């Protein structure tokens, strides 16, 4: 599979809502809050299945109802269109799962 070229965090952030640039690297970050662990883990499961289809996997950290996400395409050395696609998918799934802003 051909990987997309690096576009950089600033380009991605211009197309996404609620995401920020990561400190010290070309990556984007966002924290999602859910009603409880079940909702958070259910969202992570749905995203994991979609990420596998994209062959693009997030860095994430979950504690109870909170999921912190970092996206970057490691083999491109930074943010690519894959990250924008996965971020948009995550946002849509979070809305469907009732995530709190």
N, C-alpha and C. Protein backbone atom coordinates (compact mmCIF):
# COMPACT_ATOMS: atom_id res chain seq x y z
N UNK A 1 0.84 -1.18 0.00
CA UNK A 1 0.00 0.00 0.00
C UNK A 1 0.89 1.24 0.00
N UNK A 2 0.64 2.15 -0.91
CA UNK A 2 1.38 3.41 -0.96
C UNK A 2 0.86 4.33 0.13
N UNK A 3 1.78 4.88 0.90
CA UNK A 3 1.41 5.76 1.99
C UNK A 3 1.38 7.20 1.47
N UNK A 4 0.46 8.01 2.00
CA UNK A 4 0.38 9.40 1.55
C UNK A 4 1.58 10.22 2.04
N UNK A 5 1.81 11.31 1.36
CA UNK A 5 2.91 12.20 1.72
C UNK A 5 2.55 13.02 2.96
N UNK A 6 3.56 13.44 3.65
CA UNK A 6 3.39 14.29 4.83
C UNK A 6 2.81 15.64 4.42
N UNK A 7 1.76 16.06 5.14
CA UNK A 7 1.17 17.38 4.90
C UNK A 7 1.45 18.32 6.08
N UNK A 8 1.76 17.76 7.23
CA UNK A 8 2.06 18.55 8.43
C UNK A 8 0.83 18.88 9.25
N UNK A 9 1.05 19.05 10.54
CA UNK A 9 -0.04 19.34 11.47
C UNK A 9 -0.81 20.61 11.13
N UNK A 10 -0.13 21.73 10.76
CA UNK A 10 -0.90 22.95 10.47
C UNK A 10 -1.94 22.76 9.36
N UNK A 11 -1.58 22.04 8.32
CA UNK A 11 -2.53 21.79 7.23
C UNK A 11 -3.71 20.95 7.71
N UNK A 12 -3.43 19.95 8.52
CA UNK A 12 -4.49 19.09 9.04
C UNK A 12 -5.42 19.87 9.98
N UNK A 13 -4.83 20.68 10.85
CA UNK A 13 -5.63 21.42 11.83
C UNK A 13 -6.56 22.42 11.17
N UNK A 14 -6.21 22.90 9.99
CA UNK A 14 -7.09 23.80 9.26
C UNK A 14 -8.36 23.12 8.77
N UNK A 15 -8.38 21.80 8.82
CA UNK A 15 -9.53 21.03 8.33
C UNK A 15 -10.27 20.28 9.43
N UNK A 16 -9.78 20.36 10.67
CA UNK A 16 -10.37 19.61 11.77
C UNK A 16 -10.78 20.54 12.90
N UNK A 17 -11.80 20.14 13.63
CA UNK A 17 -12.28 20.94 14.77
C UNK A 17 -11.90 20.26 16.08
N UNK A 18 -11.35 21.03 17.01
CA UNK A 18 -11.06 20.53 18.33
C UNK A 18 -9.74 19.79 18.48
N UNK A 19 -8.98 19.69 17.44
CA UNK A 19 -7.67 19.05 17.48
C UNK A 19 -6.61 20.12 17.69
N UNK A 20 -5.46 19.71 18.22
CA UNK A 20 -4.34 20.62 18.48
C UNK A 20 -3.06 19.98 17.98
N UNK A 21 -2.03 20.81 17.85
CA UNK A 21 -0.71 20.30 17.49
C UNK A 21 -0.06 19.69 18.72
N UNK A 22 0.61 18.58 18.54
CA UNK A 22 1.35 17.93 19.63
C UNK A 22 2.61 18.73 19.93
N UNK A 23 3.04 18.69 21.16
CA UNK A 23 4.29 19.35 21.55
C UNK A 23 5.48 18.52 21.09
N UNK A 24 6.41 19.15 20.41
CA UNK A 24 7.68 18.51 20.10
C UNK A 24 7.72 17.56 18.93
N UNK A 25 6.62 17.42 18.21
CA UNK A 25 6.63 16.54 17.04
C UNK A 25 5.50 16.92 16.10
N UNK A 26 5.59 16.46 14.86
CA UNK A 26 4.55 16.72 13.87
C UNK A 26 3.45 15.68 14.05
N UNK A 27 2.48 16.01 14.90
CA UNK A 27 1.36 15.12 15.21
C UNK A 27 0.20 15.99 15.68
N UNK A 28 -0.99 15.42 15.68
CA UNK A 28 -2.18 16.11 16.18
C UNK A 28 -2.75 15.34 17.36
N UNK A 29 -3.37 16.07 18.28
CA UNK A 29 -3.87 15.45 19.52
C UNK A 29 -5.27 15.94 19.84
N UNK A 30 -6.01 15.07 20.54
CA UNK A 30 -7.35 15.43 21.00
C UNK A 30 -7.71 14.51 22.16
N UNK A 31 -8.47 15.04 23.11
CA UNK A 31 -8.98 14.24 24.22
C UNK A 31 -10.49 14.15 24.11
N UNK A 32 -11.00 12.95 24.16
CA UNK A 32 -12.44 12.71 24.13
C UNK A 32 -12.90 12.31 25.52
N UNK A 33 -14.08 12.78 25.92
CA UNK A 33 -14.67 12.42 27.21
C UNK A 33 -16.03 11.77 26.96
N UNK A 34 -16.25 10.65 27.61
CA UNK A 34 -17.48 9.89 27.45
C UNK A 34 -18.20 9.78 28.78
N UNK A 35 -19.38 9.24 28.77
CA UNK A 35 -20.19 9.13 29.99
C UNK A 35 -19.55 8.20 31.02
N UNK A 36 -18.90 7.14 30.54
CA UNK A 36 -18.31 6.16 31.44
C UNK A 36 -17.32 5.30 30.66
N UNK A 37 -16.72 4.34 31.35
CA UNK A 37 -15.73 3.47 30.73
C UNK A 37 -16.32 2.66 29.59
N UNK A 38 -17.53 2.16 29.76
CA UNK A 38 -18.17 1.36 28.73
C UNK A 38 -18.31 2.14 27.42
N UNK A 39 -18.73 3.38 27.52
CA UNK A 39 -18.89 4.22 26.32
C UNK A 39 -17.52 4.50 25.68
N UNK A 40 -16.53 4.81 26.51
CA UNK A 40 -15.18 5.09 25.99
C UNK A 40 -14.60 3.86 25.31
N UNK A 41 -14.69 2.71 25.95
CA UNK A 41 -14.10 1.50 25.40
C UNK A 41 -14.87 1.05 24.15
N UNK A 42 -16.18 1.22 24.16
CA UNK A 42 -16.97 0.89 22.97
C UNK A 42 -16.56 1.73 21.78
N UNK A 43 -16.34 3.03 22.02
CA UNK A 43 -15.86 3.93 20.96
C UNK A 43 -14.49 3.48 20.46
N UNK A 44 -13.59 3.15 21.39
CA UNK A 44 -12.26 2.70 20.99
C UNK A 44 -12.34 1.44 20.14
N UNK A 45 -13.24 0.54 20.47
CA UNK A 45 -13.40 -0.69 19.70
C UNK A 45 -13.86 -0.38 18.28
N UNK A 46 -14.86 0.49 18.15
CA UNK A 46 -15.35 0.85 16.82
C UNK A 46 -14.25 1.53 16.00
N UNK A 47 -13.51 2.43 16.63
CA UNK A 47 -12.42 3.12 15.94
C UNK A 47 -11.31 2.14 15.56
N UNK A 48 -11.01 1.21 16.44
CA UNK A 48 -9.95 0.23 16.16
C UNK A 48 -10.27 -0.59 14.92
N UNK A 49 -11.52 -0.99 14.77
CA UNK A 49 -11.92 -1.77 13.60
C UNK A 49 -11.79 -0.95 12.32
N UNK A 50 -12.18 0.31 12.38
CA UNK A 50 -12.05 1.19 11.21
C UNK A 50 -10.58 1.49 10.92
N UNK A 51 -9.79 1.70 11.96
CA UNK A 51 -8.36 1.99 11.78
C UNK A 51 -7.65 0.81 11.12
N UNK A 52 -8.03 -0.38 11.51
CA UNK A 52 -7.43 -1.58 10.91
C UNK A 52 -7.71 -1.63 9.41
N UNK A 53 -8.91 -1.26 9.01
CA UNK A 53 -9.25 -1.24 7.58
C UNK A 53 -8.41 -0.21 6.83
N UNK A 54 -8.09 0.90 7.50
CA UNK A 54 -7.24 1.93 6.90
C UNK A 54 -5.75 1.57 6.97
N UNK A 55 -5.43 0.53 7.74
CA UNK A 55 -4.04 0.18 8.04
C UNK A 55 -3.31 1.39 8.63
N UNK A 56 -4.01 2.04 9.55
CA UNK A 56 -3.47 3.24 10.21
C UNK A 56 -3.94 3.23 11.65
N UNK A 57 -3.03 3.19 12.59
CA UNK A 57 -3.38 2.93 13.97
C UNK A 57 -3.03 4.10 14.88
N UNK A 58 -3.95 4.49 15.75
CA UNK A 58 -3.71 5.64 16.62
C UNK A 58 -2.83 5.30 17.81
N UNK A 59 -2.21 6.32 18.34
CA UNK A 59 -1.61 6.23 19.67
C UNK A 59 -2.71 6.74 20.59
N UNK A 60 -3.06 5.98 21.59
CA UNK A 60 -4.10 6.46 22.51
C UNK A 60 -3.89 5.94 23.90
N UNK A 61 -4.51 6.66 24.83
CA UNK A 61 -4.38 6.37 26.25
C UNK A 61 -5.76 6.54 26.86
N UNK A 62 -6.23 5.51 27.55
CA UNK A 62 -7.57 5.52 28.13
C UNK A 62 -7.51 5.39 29.64
N UNK A 63 -8.21 6.29 30.32
CA UNK A 63 -8.45 6.17 31.76
C UNK A 63 -9.94 6.43 31.96
N UNK A 64 -10.63 5.43 32.44
CA UNK A 64 -12.06 5.45 32.69
C UNK A 64 -12.83 6.03 31.50
N UNK A 65 -13.33 7.25 31.58
CA UNK A 65 -14.19 7.81 30.54
C UNK A 65 -13.45 8.72 29.57
N UNK A 66 -12.13 8.83 29.72
CA UNK A 66 -11.35 9.76 28.90
C UNK A 66 -10.40 8.98 27.99
N UNK A 67 -10.31 9.43 26.73
CA UNK A 67 -9.38 8.84 25.78
C UNK A 67 -8.57 9.96 25.15
N UNK A 68 -7.25 9.92 25.36
CA UNK A 68 -6.34 10.88 24.75
C UNK A 68 -5.76 10.25 23.49
N UNK A 69 -5.84 10.96 22.37
CA UNK A 69 -5.42 10.43 21.07
C UNK A 69 -4.30 11.28 20.49
N UNK A 70 -3.31 10.63 19.91
CA UNK A 70 -2.26 11.28 19.13
C UNK A 70 -2.22 10.60 17.77
N UNK A 71 -2.24 11.41 16.71
CA UNK A 71 -2.19 10.86 15.36
C UNK A 71 -0.99 11.42 14.60
N UNK A 72 -0.26 10.53 13.97
CA UNK A 72 0.84 10.85 13.06
C UNK A 72 1.09 9.60 12.24
N UNK A 73 1.59 9.77 11.05
CA UNK A 73 1.93 8.63 10.20
C UNK A 73 3.43 8.41 10.36
N UNK A 74 3.79 7.42 11.12
CA UNK A 74 5.19 7.22 11.51
C UNK A 74 6.12 7.04 10.31
N UNK A 75 5.70 6.27 9.31
CA UNK A 75 6.60 6.05 8.18
C UNK A 75 6.72 7.27 7.27
N UNK A 76 5.86 8.28 7.45
CA UNK A 76 5.99 9.53 6.70
C UNK A 76 6.67 10.61 7.54
N UNK A 77 6.86 10.34 8.81
CA UNK A 77 7.53 11.31 9.67
C UNK A 77 6.66 12.47 10.12
N UNK A 78 5.35 12.29 10.07
CA UNK A 78 4.45 13.35 10.52
C UNK A 78 3.03 13.12 10.05
N UNK A 79 2.27 14.19 10.04
CA UNK A 79 0.84 14.12 9.73
C UNK A 79 0.61 14.01 8.22
N UNK A 80 -0.29 13.09 7.84
CA UNK A 80 -0.66 12.88 6.44
C UNK A 80 -2.19 12.89 6.32
N UNK A 81 -2.65 12.68 5.10
CA UNK A 81 -4.08 12.58 4.86
C UNK A 81 -4.71 11.43 5.64
N UNK A 82 -3.95 10.38 5.90
CA UNK A 82 -4.47 9.27 6.70
C UNK A 82 -4.88 9.76 8.09
N UNK A 83 -4.10 10.66 8.65
CA UNK A 83 -4.42 11.19 9.97
C UNK A 83 -5.68 12.04 9.94
N UNK A 84 -5.84 12.83 8.89
CA UNK A 84 -7.06 13.63 8.74
C UNK A 84 -8.27 12.72 8.60
N UNK A 85 -8.14 11.68 7.80
CA UNK A 85 -9.24 10.73 7.60
C UNK A 85 -9.61 10.05 8.92
N UNK A 86 -8.60 9.57 9.65
CA UNK A 86 -8.87 8.89 10.91
C UNK A 86 -9.42 9.85 11.95
N UNK A 87 -8.92 11.07 12.00
CA UNK A 87 -9.43 12.07 12.95
C UNK A 87 -10.91 12.37 12.68
N UNK A 88 -11.27 12.54 11.42
CA UNK A 88 -12.67 12.81 11.06
C UNK A 88 -13.55 11.61 11.43
N UNK A 89 -13.06 10.41 11.19
CA UNK A 89 -13.80 9.21 11.56
C UNK A 89 -13.99 9.14 13.07
N UNK A 90 -12.95 9.46 13.83
CA UNK A 90 -13.04 9.46 15.29
C UNK A 90 -14.06 10.49 15.78
N UNK A 91 -14.02 11.68 15.21
CA UNK A 91 -14.96 12.71 15.61
C UNK A 91 -16.40 12.29 15.35
N UNK A 92 -16.63 11.70 14.18
CA UNK A 92 -17.99 11.24 13.84
C UNK A 92 -18.44 10.15 14.82
N UNK A 93 -17.58 9.18 15.06
CA UNK A 93 -17.93 8.10 15.97
C UNK A 93 -18.13 8.62 17.40
N UNK A 94 -17.35 9.60 17.80
CA UNK A 94 -17.50 10.17 19.15
C UNK A 94 -18.85 10.87 19.28
N UNK A 95 -19.27 11.58 18.25
CA UNK A 95 -20.58 12.22 18.27
C UNK A 95 -21.69 11.20 18.38
N UNK A 96 -21.56 10.12 17.65
CA UNK A 96 -22.55 9.04 17.69
C UNK A 96 -22.57 8.35 19.05
N UNK A 97 -21.42 8.34 19.74
CA UNK A 97 -21.32 7.69 21.05
C UNK A 97 -21.65 8.64 22.20
N UNK A 98 -22.01 9.87 21.87
CA UNK A 98 -22.39 10.82 22.90
C UNK A 98 -21.23 11.42 23.68
N UNK A 99 -20.07 11.53 23.06
CA UNK A 99 -18.91 12.12 23.73
C UNK A 99 -19.22 13.56 24.14
N UNK A 100 -18.66 13.95 25.26
CA UNK A 100 -18.82 15.33 25.73
C UNK A 100 -17.72 16.19 25.13
N UNK A 101 -18.05 17.41 24.74
CA UNK A 101 -17.01 18.30 24.18
C UNK A 101 -15.96 18.65 25.20
